[in-house]
Amino acid sequence: MKVRILKPAKSAMQSGQANSKEWVLESEPSPTQIDPLMGWTSSRDTMQQVQIWFPTLEEAKAHAERNGWQYAVEMPQSHAVRPKAYADNFAYTRVGRWTH
């Protein structure tokens, strides 16, 4: 079975870093089938619903190797945080005009 190990990005609805510090091991998506009678999308693979959380990448790799799973690691992308101050909105050197 193929699995992927990744660090999930934070939700767009959160300002903090909750649930983005641990590593997640999840199954690769398998092809889905369309039920001919109802038209519902289904899959026989129940491992798609399982997410296993690990505090470190090494523990996630060890768990995948212990179970004989092929794994791919997706490293998180870093982003630069620019410090801002509320007073910058009213600075004389502001490039754009200030309107309500």
N, C-alpha and C. Protein backbone atom coordinates (compact mmCIF):
# COMPACT_ATOMS: atom_id res chain seq x y z
N MET A 1 0.84 -1.17 0.00
CA MET A 1 0.00 0.00 0.00
C MET A 1 0.90 1.24 0.00
N LYS A 2 0.46 2.25 -0.71
CA LYS A 2 1.21 3.50 -0.77
C LYS A 2 0.59 4.50 0.19
N VAL A 3 1.45 5.16 0.95
CA VAL A 3 1.00 6.20 1.88
C VAL A 3 1.87 7.43 1.66
N ARG A 4 1.37 8.55 2.14
CA ARG A 4 2.16 9.77 2.08
C ARG A 4 2.24 10.37 3.47
N ILE A 5 3.38 10.97 3.74
CA ILE A 5 3.64 11.59 5.04
C ILE A 5 3.81 13.08 4.78
N LEU A 6 3.04 13.89 5.48
CA LEU A 6 3.09 15.32 5.24
C LEU A 6 2.77 16.08 6.51
N LYS A 7 3.08 17.35 6.49
CA LYS A 7 2.72 18.27 7.56
C LYS A 7 1.60 19.14 7.00
N PRO A 8 0.39 19.01 7.52
CA PRO A 8 -0.71 19.77 6.91
C PRO A 8 -0.58 21.27 7.12
N ALA A 9 -1.08 22.02 6.16
CA ALA A 9 -1.07 23.47 6.26
C ALA A 9 -2.20 23.90 7.20
N LYS A 10 -2.07 25.08 7.76
CA LYS A 10 -3.12 25.56 8.64
C LYS A 10 -4.34 25.93 7.82
N SER A 11 -5.47 25.86 8.47
CA SER A 11 -6.73 26.19 7.82
C SER A 11 -6.78 27.68 7.53
N ALA A 12 -7.55 28.06 6.52
CA ALA A 12 -7.70 29.48 6.21
C ALA A 12 -8.50 30.21 7.30
N MET A 13 -9.19 29.45 8.12
CA MET A 13 -10.02 30.05 9.16
C MET A 13 -9.29 30.21 10.49
N GLN A 14 -8.03 29.87 10.55
CA GLN A 14 -7.31 29.98 11.80
C GLN A 14 -6.09 30.88 11.64
N SER A 15 -5.79 31.61 12.68
CA SER A 15 -4.63 32.48 12.63
C SER A 15 -3.42 31.85 13.31
N GLY A 16 -3.64 30.86 14.13
CA GLY A 16 -2.55 30.20 14.85
C GLY A 16 -1.99 29.03 14.07
N GLN A 17 -1.16 28.25 14.71
CA GLN A 17 -0.49 27.12 14.07
C GLN A 17 -1.04 25.77 14.55
N ALA A 18 -2.27 25.73 15.04
CA ALA A 18 -2.84 24.49 15.56
C ALA A 18 -2.94 23.43 14.45
N ASN A 19 -2.68 22.19 14.79
CA ASN A 19 -2.73 21.05 13.87
C ASN A 19 -1.77 21.17 12.70
N SER A 20 -0.76 22.00 12.81
CA SER A 20 0.21 22.11 11.72
C SER A 20 1.63 21.81 12.20
N LYS A 21 1.77 21.34 13.42
CA LYS A 21 3.11 21.04 13.95
C LYS A 21 3.41 19.55 13.92
N GLU A 22 2.39 18.70 13.74
CA GLU A 22 2.60 17.27 13.73
C GLU A 22 2.55 16.73 12.30
N TRP A 23 3.08 15.55 12.11
CA TRP A 23 3.11 14.90 10.81
C TRP A 23 1.93 13.95 10.69
N VAL A 24 1.38 13.86 9.48
CA VAL A 24 0.22 13.00 9.22
C VAL A 24 0.62 11.93 8.23
N LEU A 25 0.24 10.70 8.52
CA LEU A 25 0.43 9.59 7.59
C LEU A 25 -0.96 9.23 7.08
N GLU A 26 -1.16 9.34 5.77
CA GLU A 26 -2.46 9.02 5.19
C GLU A 26 -2.27 8.24 3.91
N SER A 27 -3.29 7.49 3.55
CA SER A 27 -3.24 6.63 2.37
C SER A 27 -3.36 7.46 1.10
N GLU A 28 -2.71 7.00 0.05
CA GLU A 28 -2.86 7.65 -1.25
C GLU A 28 -4.28 7.43 -1.74
N PRO A 29 -4.88 8.40 -2.37
CA PRO A 29 -6.24 8.22 -2.86
C PRO A 29 -6.30 7.14 -3.94
N SER A 30 -7.29 6.27 -3.82
CA SER A 30 -7.48 5.22 -4.81
C SER A 30 -8.60 5.63 -5.75
N PRO A 31 -8.69 4.99 -6.91
CA PRO A 31 -9.75 5.37 -7.84
C PRO A 31 -11.13 5.07 -7.27
N THR A 32 -12.07 5.94 -7.56
CA THR A 32 -13.43 5.77 -7.07
C THR A 32 -14.29 5.14 -8.15
N GLN A 33 -15.40 4.56 -7.72
CA GLN A 33 -16.34 3.93 -8.63
C GLN A 33 -17.68 4.65 -8.51
N ILE A 34 -18.43 4.67 -9.59
CA ILE A 34 -19.75 5.27 -9.58
C ILE A 34 -20.78 4.15 -9.54
N ASP A 35 -21.65 4.20 -8.54
CA ASP A 35 -22.69 3.19 -8.40
C ASP A 35 -23.68 3.35 -9.55
N PRO A 36 -23.95 2.29 -10.32
CA PRO A 36 -24.83 2.45 -11.48
C PRO A 36 -26.29 2.72 -11.09
N LEU A 37 -26.72 2.25 -9.94
CA LEU A 37 -28.12 2.42 -9.56
C LEU A 37 -28.41 3.82 -9.02
N MET A 38 -27.61 4.27 -8.05
CA MET A 38 -27.88 5.55 -7.40
C MET A 38 -27.02 6.69 -7.94
N GLY A 39 -25.90 6.37 -8.60
CA GLY A 39 -25.02 7.41 -9.10
C GLY A 39 -24.09 7.97 -8.06
N TRP A 40 -23.99 7.32 -6.90
CA TRP A 40 -23.10 7.78 -5.84
C TRP A 40 -21.67 7.38 -6.14
N THR A 41 -20.75 8.18 -5.67
CA THR A 41 -19.34 7.85 -5.79
C THR A 41 -18.93 7.03 -4.59
N SER A 42 -18.26 5.90 -4.83
CA SER A 42 -17.89 5.03 -3.73
C SER A 42 -16.50 4.46 -3.96
N SER A 43 -15.97 3.87 -2.90
CA SER A 43 -14.68 3.21 -2.96
C SER A 43 -14.67 2.09 -1.94
N ARG A 44 -13.97 1.03 -2.24
CA ARG A 44 -13.89 -0.09 -1.30
C ARG A 44 -12.71 0.07 -0.34
N ASP A 45 -11.89 1.07 -0.54
CA ASP A 45 -10.71 1.27 0.29
C ASP A 45 -11.08 2.10 1.52
N THR A 46 -11.14 1.46 2.68
CA THR A 46 -11.48 2.19 3.90
C THR A 46 -10.27 2.89 4.51
N MET A 47 -9.08 2.60 4.05
CA MET A 47 -7.88 3.27 4.58
C MET A 47 -7.83 4.74 4.19
N GLN A 48 -8.64 5.15 3.20
CA GLN A 48 -8.67 6.56 2.84
C GLN A 48 -9.21 7.42 3.97
N GLN A 49 -9.97 6.83 4.87
CA GLN A 49 -10.58 7.58 5.96
C GLN A 49 -9.67 7.68 7.17
N VAL A 50 -8.53 6.99 7.15
CA VAL A 50 -7.65 6.93 8.31
C VAL A 50 -6.51 7.93 8.16
N GLN A 51 -6.31 8.73 9.20
CA GLN A 51 -5.15 9.61 9.30
C GLN A 51 -4.47 9.31 10.63
N ILE A 52 -3.18 9.06 10.58
CA ILE A 52 -2.42 8.77 11.79
C ILE A 52 -1.46 9.93 12.03
N TRP A 53 -1.52 10.52 13.22
CA TRP A 53 -0.71 11.69 13.56
C TRP A 53 0.52 11.26 14.34
N PHE A 54 1.67 11.86 14.00
CA PHE A 54 2.94 11.57 14.67
C PHE A 54 3.63 12.88 15.03
N PRO A 55 4.32 12.92 16.18
CA PRO A 55 5.01 14.16 16.55
C PRO A 55 6.27 14.43 15.71
N THR A 56 6.91 13.39 15.17
CA THR A 56 8.11 13.60 14.38
C THR A 56 8.02 12.83 13.07
N LEU A 57 8.82 13.26 12.11
CA LEU A 57 8.87 12.61 10.81
C LEU A 57 9.47 11.21 10.92
N GLU A 58 10.46 11.05 11.79
CA GLU A 58 11.12 9.75 11.94
C GLU A 58 10.15 8.69 12.46
N GLU A 59 9.26 9.08 13.37
CA GLU A 59 8.28 8.12 13.88
C GLU A 59 7.30 7.71 12.79
N ALA A 60 6.91 8.63 11.95
CA ALA A 60 5.99 8.32 10.85
C ALA A 60 6.66 7.38 9.85
N LYS A 61 7.92 7.64 9.53
CA LYS A 61 8.65 6.76 8.62
C LYS A 61 8.81 5.37 9.21
N ALA A 62 9.14 5.30 10.49
CA ALA A 62 9.32 4.00 11.14
C ALA A 62 8.03 3.20 11.15
N HIS A 63 6.90 3.86 11.36
CA HIS A 63 5.61 3.17 11.36
C HIS A 63 5.29 2.62 9.97
N ALA A 64 5.57 3.40 8.93
CA ALA A 64 5.31 2.94 7.56
C ALA A 64 6.22 1.76 7.21
N GLU A 65 7.48 1.82 7.60
CA GLU A 65 8.41 0.73 7.31
C GLU A 65 8.05 -0.53 8.09
N ARG A 66 7.59 -0.36 9.33
CA ARG A 66 7.20 -1.49 10.16
C ARG A 66 6.03 -2.26 9.55
N ASN A 67 5.13 -1.54 8.89
CA ASN A 67 3.96 -2.16 8.27
C ASN A 67 4.20 -2.56 6.81
N GLY A 68 5.37 -2.26 6.27
CA GLY A 68 5.70 -2.63 4.90
C GLY A 68 5.04 -1.75 3.85
N TRP A 69 4.73 -0.52 4.19
CA TRP A 69 4.10 0.41 3.26
C TRP A 69 5.16 1.22 2.53
N GLN A 70 4.89 1.50 1.26
CA GLN A 70 5.75 2.42 0.50
C GLN A 70 5.28 3.83 0.85
N TYR A 71 6.22 4.70 1.15
CA TYR A 71 5.82 6.04 1.56
C TYR A 71 6.55 7.10 0.75
N ALA A 72 5.89 8.24 0.64
CA ALA A 72 6.46 9.43 0.01
C ALA A 72 6.31 10.57 1.01
N VAL A 73 7.38 11.31 1.21
CA VAL A 73 7.37 12.41 2.18
C VAL A 73 7.19 13.72 1.42
N GLU A 74 6.21 14.50 1.83
CA GLU A 74 5.98 15.83 1.27
C GLU A 74 6.44 16.85 2.30
N MET A 75 7.55 17.50 2.01
CA MET A 75 8.10 18.46 2.95
C MET A 75 7.28 19.75 2.94
N PRO A 76 7.11 20.38 4.09
CA PRO A 76 6.32 21.63 4.13
C PRO A 76 7.07 22.77 3.47
N GLN A 77 6.31 23.66 2.86
CA GLN A 77 6.89 24.84 2.24
C GLN A 77 6.99 25.93 3.30
N SER A 78 8.11 26.61 3.31
CA SER A 78 8.28 27.69 4.28
C SER A 78 7.79 29.00 3.66
N HIS A 79 7.29 29.86 4.49
CA HIS A 79 6.83 31.16 4.01
C HIS A 79 7.42 32.24 4.91
N ALA A 80 7.69 33.35 4.29
CA ALA A 80 8.28 34.47 5.03
C ALA A 80 7.17 35.27 5.71
N VAL A 81 7.34 35.54 6.97
CA VAL A 81 6.38 36.34 7.71
C VAL A 81 6.92 37.75 7.81
N ARG A 82 6.19 38.69 7.24
CA ARG A 82 6.61 40.07 7.30
C ARG A 82 5.96 40.73 8.51
N PRO A 83 6.74 41.28 9.42
CA PRO A 83 6.13 41.94 10.58
C PRO A 83 5.43 43.23 10.15
N LYS A 84 4.25 43.43 10.66
CA LYS A 84 3.47 44.62 10.33
C LYS A 84 3.04 45.31 11.61
N ALA A 85 2.80 46.58 11.49
CA ALA A 85 2.28 47.35 12.61
C ALA A 85 1.04 48.11 12.14
N TYR A 86 0.10 48.31 13.04
CA TYR A 86 -1.13 49.03 12.70
C TYR A 86 -0.82 50.46 12.27
N ALA A 87 0.23 51.06 12.84
CA ALA A 87 0.59 52.43 12.52
C ALA A 87 1.05 52.59 11.08
N ASP A 88 1.48 51.49 10.44
CA ASP A 88 1.90 51.57 9.04
C ASP A 88 0.75 51.94 8.11
N ASN A 89 -0.49 51.72 8.53
CA ASN A 89 -1.64 52.10 7.71
C ASN A 89 -1.77 53.61 7.56
N PHE A 90 -1.22 54.37 8.49
CA PHE A 90 -1.37 55.82 8.50
C PHE A 90 -0.04 56.54 8.26
N ALA A 91 0.97 55.86 7.77
CA ALA A 91 2.28 56.47 7.59
C ALA A 91 2.26 57.45 6.42
N TYR A 92 3.09 58.48 6.50
CA TYR A 92 3.19 59.46 5.41
C TYR A 92 3.84 58.85 4.18
N THR A 93 4.63 57.82 4.38
CA THR A 93 5.33 57.20 3.25
C THR A 93 4.52 56.08 2.61
N ARG A 94 3.25 55.98 2.95
CA ARG A 94 2.39 54.92 2.39
C ARG A 94 2.25 55.13 0.89
N VAL A 95 2.34 54.04 0.12
CA VAL A 95 2.32 54.13 -1.34
C VAL A 95 0.90 54.38 -1.86
N GLY A 96 -0.05 53.59 -1.42
CA GLY A 96 -1.43 53.74 -1.90
C GLY A 96 -2.18 54.77 -1.07
N ARG A 97 -3.30 55.22 -1.59
CA ARG A 97 -4.08 56.19 -0.83
C ARG A 97 -4.92 55.47 0.20
N TRP A 98 -5.27 56.21 1.25
CA TRP A 98 -6.01 55.64 2.36
C TRP A 98 -7.46 56.08 2.25
N THR A 99 -8.37 55.14 2.13
CA THR A 99 -9.79 55.47 2.06
C THR A 99 -10.56 54.55 2.97
N HIS A 100 -11.79 54.90 3.21
CA HIS A 100 -12.67 54.04 4.03
C HIS A 100 -13.38 53.09 3.14
